[in-house]
Amino acid sequence: MTHPILPPELVGTDQPGLAFRNLMDRCNLEYYLRFDQQILECAVPISAYEHIEWLASR
């Protein structure tokens, strides 16, 4: 996910990396929407909670 997408001139417009990134974005969003609150409920009581690196929205 951190590797750049190759230019369409080299691989065409239907390169698998784009489809994979779109799928991963959808999976991550679904996971976040379903489990965000539950994860926070488990994480907040942990003494190291303040050291957890959250996404930029936190």
PDB file of N, CA and C in Angstrom:
ATOM      1  N   MET A   1       0.817  -1.192   0.000  1.00  0.00           N
ATOM      2  CA  MET A   1       0.000   0.000   0.000  1.00  0.00           C
ATOM      3  C   MET A   1       0.863   1.259   0.000  1.00  0.00           C
ATOM      4  N   THR A   2       2.106   1.147   0.388  1.00  0.00           N
ATOM      5  CA  THR A   2       2.966   2.327   0.412  1.00  0.00           C
ATOM      6  C   THR A   2       3.715   2.531  -0.895  1.00  0.00           C
ATOM      7  N   HIS A   3       3.711   1.525  -1.758  1.00  0.00           N
ATOM      8  CA  HIS A   3       4.394   1.660  -3.042  1.00  0.00           C
ATOM      9  C   HIS A   3       3.549   2.507  -3.985  1.00  0.00           C
ATOM     10  N   PRO A   4       4.202   3.336  -4.788  1.00  0.00           N
ATOM     11  CA  PRO A   4       3.441   4.181  -5.720  1.00  0.00           C
ATOM     12  C   PRO A   4       2.781   3.351  -6.813  1.00  0.00           C
ATOM     13  N   ILE A   5       1.670   3.858  -7.290  1.00  0.00           N
ATOM     14  CA  ILE A   5       1.003   3.246  -8.433  1.00  0.00           C
ATOM     15  C   ILE A   5       1.811   3.602  -9.680  1.00  0.00           C
ATOM     16  N   LEU A   6       2.034   2.618 -10.520  1.00  0.00           N
ATOM     17  CA  LEU A   6       2.798   2.862 -11.744  1.00  0.00           C
ATOM     18  C   LEU A   6       1.980   3.704 -12.725  1.00  0.00           C
ATOM     19  N   PRO A   7       2.646   4.493 -13.552  1.00  0.00           N
ATOM     20  CA  PRO A   7       1.935   5.308 -14.542  1.00  0.00           C
ATOM     21  C   PRO A   7       1.163   4.419 -15.520  1.00  0.00           C
ATOM     22  N   PRO A   8      -0.022   4.856 -15.932  1.00  0.00           N
ATOM     23  CA  PRO A   8      -0.822   4.072 -16.886  1.00  0.00           C
ATOM     24  C   PRO A   8      -0.072   3.781 -18.188  1.00  0.00           C
ATOM     25  N   GLU A   9       0.871   4.639 -18.566  1.00  0.00           N
ATOM     26  CA  GLU A   9       1.632   4.418 -19.794  1.00  0.00           C
ATOM     27  C   GLU A   9       2.441   3.122 -19.716  1.00  0.00           C
ATOM     28  N   LEU A  10       2.806   2.714 -18.493  1.00  0.00           N
ATOM     29  CA  LEU A  10       3.615   1.507 -18.326  1.00  0.00           C
ATOM     30  C   LEU A  10       2.773   0.246 -18.157  1.00  0.00           C
ATOM     31  N   VAL A  11       1.644   0.358 -17.478  1.00  0.00           N
ATOM     32  CA  VAL A  11       0.887  -0.849 -17.135  1.00  0.00           C
ATOM     33  C   VAL A  11      -0.567  -0.825 -17.575  1.00  0.00           C
ATOM     34  N   GLY A  12      -1.021   0.251 -18.183  1.00  0.00           N
ATOM     35  CA  GLY A  12      -2.423   0.354 -18.566  1.00  0.00           C
ATOM     36  C   GLY A  12      -3.254   0.912 -17.427  1.00  0.00           C
ATOM     37  N   THR A  13      -4.514   1.099 -17.677  1.00  0.00           N
ATOM     38  CA  THR A  13      -5.381   1.716 -16.665  1.00  0.00           C
ATOM     39  C   THR A  13      -6.029   0.702 -15.739  1.00  0.00           C
ATOM     40  N   ASP A  14      -5.885  -0.581 -16.038  1.00  0.00           N
ATOM     41  CA  ASP A  14      -6.538  -1.599 -15.215  1.00  0.00           C
ATOM     42  C   ASP A  14      -5.545  -2.387 -14.355  1.00  0.00           C
ATOM     43  N   GLN A  15      -4.500  -1.721 -13.883  1.00  0.00           N
ATOM     44  CA  GLN A  15      -3.496  -2.417 -13.096  1.00  0.00           C
ATOM     45  C   GLN A  15      -4.091  -2.945 -11.791  1.00  0.00           C
ATOM     46  N   PRO A  16      -3.698  -4.121 -11.373  1.00  0.00           N
ATOM     47  CA  PRO A  16      -4.262  -4.751 -10.178  1.00  0.00           C
ATOM     48  C   PRO A  16      -4.047  -3.940  -8.902  1.00  0.00           C
ATOM     49  N   GLY A  17      -2.974  -3.164  -8.843  1.00  0.00           N
ATOM     50  CA  GLY A  17      -2.704  -2.376  -7.640  1.00  0.00           C
ATOM     51  C   GLY A  17      -3.830  -1.407  -7.311  1.00  0.00           C
ATOM     52  N   LEU A  18      -4.441  -0.822  -8.319  1.00  0.00           N
ATOM     53  CA  LEU A  18      -5.550   0.111  -8.080  1.00  0.00           C
ATOM     54  C   LEU A  18      -6.765  -0.606  -7.513  1.00  0.00           C
ATOM     55  N   ALA A  19      -7.094  -1.746  -8.095  1.00  0.00           N
ATOM     56  CA  ALA A  19      -8.234  -2.517  -7.593  1.00  0.00           C
ATOM     57  C   ALA A  19      -7.968  -2.993  -6.170  1.00  0.00           C
ATOM     58  N   PHE A  20      -6.745  -3.416  -5.901  1.00  0.00           N
ATOM     59  CA  PHE A  20      -6.396  -3.873  -4.559  1.00  0.00           C
ATOM     60  C   PHE A  20      -6.501  -2.744  -3.545  1.00  0.00           C
ATOM     61  N   ARG A  21      -6.003  -1.575  -3.891  1.00  0.00           N
ATOM     62  CA  ARG A  21      -6.096  -0.431  -2.972  1.00  0.00           C
ATOM     63  C   ARG A  21      -7.545  -0.051  -2.697  1.00  0.00           C
ATOM     64  N   ASN A  22      -8.364  -0.065  -3.730  1.00  0.00           N
ATOM     65  CA  ASN A  22      -9.780   0.251  -3.532  1.00  0.00           C
ATOM     66  C   ASN A  22     -10.438  -0.769  -2.617  1.00  0.00           C
ATOM     67  N   LEU A  23     -10.129  -2.049  -2.814  1.00  0.00           N
ATOM     68  CA  LEU A  23     -10.679  -3.101  -1.964  1.00  0.00           C
ATOM     69  C   LEU A  23     -10.225  -2.925  -0.522  1.00  0.00           C
ATOM     70  N   MET A  24      -8.950  -2.646  -0.313  1.00  0.00           N
ATOM     71  CA  MET A  24      -8.427  -2.463   1.043  1.00  0.00           C
ATOM     72  C   MET A  24      -9.048  -1.238   1.712  1.00  0.00           C
ATOM     73  N   ASP A  25      -9.250  -0.163   0.962  1.00  0.00           N
ATOM     74  CA  ASP A  25      -9.911   1.020   1.519  1.00  0.00           C
ATOM     75  C   ASP A  25     -11.320   0.685   1.990  1.00  0.00           C
ATOM     76  N   ARG A  26     -12.051  -0.089   1.188  1.00  0.00           N
ATOM     77  CA  ARG A  26     -13.411  -0.470   1.559  1.00  0.00           C
ATOM     78  C   ARG A  26     -13.416  -1.391   2.775  1.00  0.00           C
ATOM     79  N   CYS A  27     -12.469  -2.332   2.816  1.00  0.00           N
ATOM     80  CA  CYS A  27     -12.367  -3.242   3.969  1.00  0.00           C
ATOM     81  C   CYS A  27     -12.021  -2.474   5.242  1.00  0.00           C
ATOM     82  N   ASN A  28     -11.072  -1.562   5.139  1.00  0.00           N
ATOM     83  CA  ASN A  28     -10.687  -0.767   6.312  1.00  0.00           C
ATOM     84  C   ASN A  28     -11.842   0.081   6.809  1.00  0.00           C
ATOM     85  N   LEU A  29     -12.594   0.688   5.913  1.00  0.00           N
ATOM     86  CA  LEU A  29     -13.736   1.495   6.308  1.00  0.00           C
ATOM     87  C   LEU A  29     -14.792   0.636   6.993  1.00  0.00           C
ATOM     88  N   GLU A  30     -15.074  -0.524   6.431  1.00  0.00           N
ATOM     89  CA  GLU A  30     -16.069  -1.429   7.023  1.00  0.00           C
ATOM     90  C   GLU A  30     -15.633  -1.855   8.422  1.00  0.00           C
ATOM     91  N   TYR A  31     -14.376  -2.208   8.570  1.00  0.00           N
ATOM     92  CA  TYR A  31     -13.835  -2.608   9.869  1.00  0.00           C
ATOM     93  C   TYR A  31     -13.937  -1.456  10.866  1.00  0.00           C
ATOM     94  N   TYR A  32     -13.559  -0.270  10.428  1.00  0.00           N
ATOM     95  CA  TYR A  32     -13.614   0.899  11.297  1.00  0.00           C
ATOM     96  C   TYR A  32     -15.048   1.177  11.754  1.00  0.00           C
ATOM     97  N   LEU A  33     -15.996   1.145  10.831  1.00  0.00           N
ATOM     98  CA  LEU A  33     -17.383   1.446  11.170  1.00  0.00           C
ATOM     99  C   LEU A  33     -17.968   0.422  12.133  1.00  0.00           C
ATOM    100  N   ARG A  34     -17.547  -0.825  12.008  1.00  0.00           N
ATOM    101  CA  ARG A  34     -18.104  -1.879  12.863  1.00  0.00           C
ATOM    102  C   ARG A  34     -17.440  -1.978  14.226  1.00  0.00           C
ATOM    103  N   PHE A  35     -16.134  -1.742  14.296  1.00  0.00           N
ATOM    104  CA  PHE A  35     -15.402  -2.083  15.504  1.00  0.00           C
ATOM    105  C   PHE A  35     -14.692  -0.932  16.200  1.00  0.00           C
ATOM    106  N   ASP A  36     -14.807   0.275  15.709  1.00  0.00           N
ATOM    107  CA  ASP A  36     -14.081   1.406  16.298  1.00  0.00           C
ATOM    108  C   ASP A  36     -14.414   1.585  17.772  1.00  0.00           C
ATOM    109  N   GLN A  37     -15.664   1.620  18.109  1.00  0.00           N
ATOM    110  CA  GLN A  37     -16.063   1.846  19.496  1.00  0.00           C
ATOM    111  C   GLN A  37     -15.609   0.698  20.388  1.00  0.00           C
ATOM    112  N   GLN A  38     -15.729  -0.517  19.906  1.00  0.00           N
ATOM    113  CA  GLN A  38     -15.316  -1.683  20.679  1.00  0.00           C
ATOM    114  C   GLN A  38     -13.805  -1.665  20.937  1.00  0.00           C
ATOM    115  N   ILE A  39     -13.039  -1.273  19.931  1.00  0.00           N
ATOM    116  CA  ILE A  39     -11.584  -1.191  20.097  1.00  0.00           C
ATOM    117  C   ILE A  39     -11.235  -0.145  21.141  1.00  0.00           C
ATOM    118  N   LEU A  40     -11.885   1.005  21.077  1.00  0.00           N
ATOM    119  CA  LEU A  40     -11.618   2.054  22.063  1.00  0.00           C
ATOM    120  C   LEU A  40     -11.979   1.599  23.471  1.00  0.00           C
ATOM    121  N   GLU A  41     -13.089   0.900  23.616  1.00  0.00           N
ATOM    122  CA  GLU A  41     -13.484   0.409  24.934  1.00  0.00           C
ATOM    123  C   GLU A  41     -12.455  -0.547  25.515  1.00  0.00           C
ATOM    124  N   CYS A  42     -11.798  -1.312  24.662  1.00  0.00           N
ATOM    125  CA  CYS A  42     -10.750  -2.224  25.124  1.00  0.00           C
ATOM    126  C   CYS A  42      -9.431  -1.500  25.368  1.00  0.00           C
ATOM    127  N   ALA A  43      -9.145  -0.492  24.574  1.00  0.00           N
ATOM    128  CA  ALA A  43      -7.838   0.166  24.635  1.00  0.00           C
ATOM    129  C   ALA A  43      -7.727   1.210  25.737  1.00  0.00           C
ATOM    130  N   VAL A  44      -8.791   1.945  25.988  1.00  0.00           N
ATOM    131  CA  VAL A  44      -8.718   3.059  26.944  1.00  0.00           C
ATOM    132  C   VAL A  44      -8.252   2.619  28.337  1.00  0.00           C
ATOM    133  N   PRO A  45      -8.720   1.495  28.873  1.00  0.00           N
ATOM    134  CA  PRO A  45      -8.274   1.097  30.215  1.00  0.00           C
ATOM    135  C   PRO A  45      -6.807   0.668  30.299  1.00  0.00           C
ATOM    136  N   ILE A  46      -6.160   0.413  29.188  1.00  0.00           N
ATOM    137  CA  ILE A  46      -4.769  -0.042  29.198  1.00  0.00           C
ATOM    138  C   ILE A  46      -3.856   1.119  29.575  1.00  0.00           C
ATOM    139  N   SER A  47      -2.915   0.856  30.462  1.00  0.00           N
ATOM    140  CA  SER A  47      -2.040   1.930  30.945  1.00  0.00           C
ATOM    141  C   SER A  47      -1.216   2.563  29.828  1.00  0.00           C
ATOM    142  N   ALA A  48      -0.944   1.845  28.769  1.00  0.00           N
ATOM    143  CA  ALA A  48      -0.146   2.378  27.659  1.00  0.00           C
ATOM    144  C   ALA A  48      -1.011   3.035  26.589  1.00  0.00           C
ATOM    145  N   TYR A  49      -2.274   3.269  26.889  1.00  0.00           N
ATOM    146  CA  TYR A  49      -3.204   3.829  25.901  1.00  0.00           C
ATOM    147  C   TYR A  49      -2.675   5.108  25.271  1.00  0.00           C
ATOM    148  N   GLU A  50      -2.078   5.960  26.067  1.00  0.00           N
ATOM    149  CA  GLU A  50      -1.609   7.250  25.540  1.00  0.00           C
ATOM    150  C   GLU A  50      -0.463   7.094  24.550  1.00  0.00           C
ATOM    151  N   HIS A  51       0.127   5.917  24.493  1.00  0.00           N
ATOM    152  CA  HIS A  51       1.238   5.682  23.570  1.00  0.00           C
ATOM    153  C   HIS A  51       0.798   5.010  22.276  1.00  0.00           C
ATOM    154  N   ILE A  52      -0.472   4.693  22.176  1.00  0.00           N
ATOM    155  CA  ILE A  52      -0.978   4.062  20.958  1.00  0.00           C
ATOM    156  C   ILE A  52      -1.019   5.107  19.853  1.00  0.00           C
ATOM    157  N   GLU A  53      -0.474   4.748  18.708  1.00  0.00           N
ATOM    158  CA  GLU A  53      -0.453   5.667  17.574  1.00  0.00           C
ATOM    159  C   GLU A  53      -1.716   5.442  16.749  1.00  0.00           C
ATOM    160  N   TRP A  54      -2.644   6.389  16.824  1.00  0.00           N
ATOM    161  CA  TRP A  54      -3.917   6.284  16.105  1.00  0.00           C
ATOM    162  C   TRP A  54      -3.799   6.981  14.753  1.00  0.00           C
ATOM    163  N   LEU A  55      -4.795   6.784  13.933  1.00  0.00           N
ATOM    164  CA  LEU A  55      -4.843   7.485  12.661  1.00  0.00           C
ATOM    165  C   LEU A  55      -4.983   8.988  12.908  1.00  0.00           C
ATOM    166  N   ALA A  56      -4.737   9.771  11.904  1.00  0.00           N
ATOM    167  CA  ALA A  56      -4.721  11.220  12.056  1.00  0.00           C
ATOM    168  C   ALA A  56      -6.045  11.792  12.581  1.00  0.00           C
ATOM    169  N   SER A  57      -7.150  11.086  12.402  1.00  0.00           N
ATOM    170  CA  SER A  57      -8.436  11.597  12.857  1.00  0.00           C
ATOM    171  C   SER A  57      -8.571  11.587  14.372  1.00  0.00           C
ATOM    172  N   ARG A  58      -7.691  10.921  15.069  1.00  0.00           N
ATOM    173  CA  ARG A  58      -7.740  10.861  16.535  1.00  0.00           C
ATOM    174  C   ARG A  58      -7.095  12.069  17.145  1.00  0.00           C
TER     175      ARG A  58
END
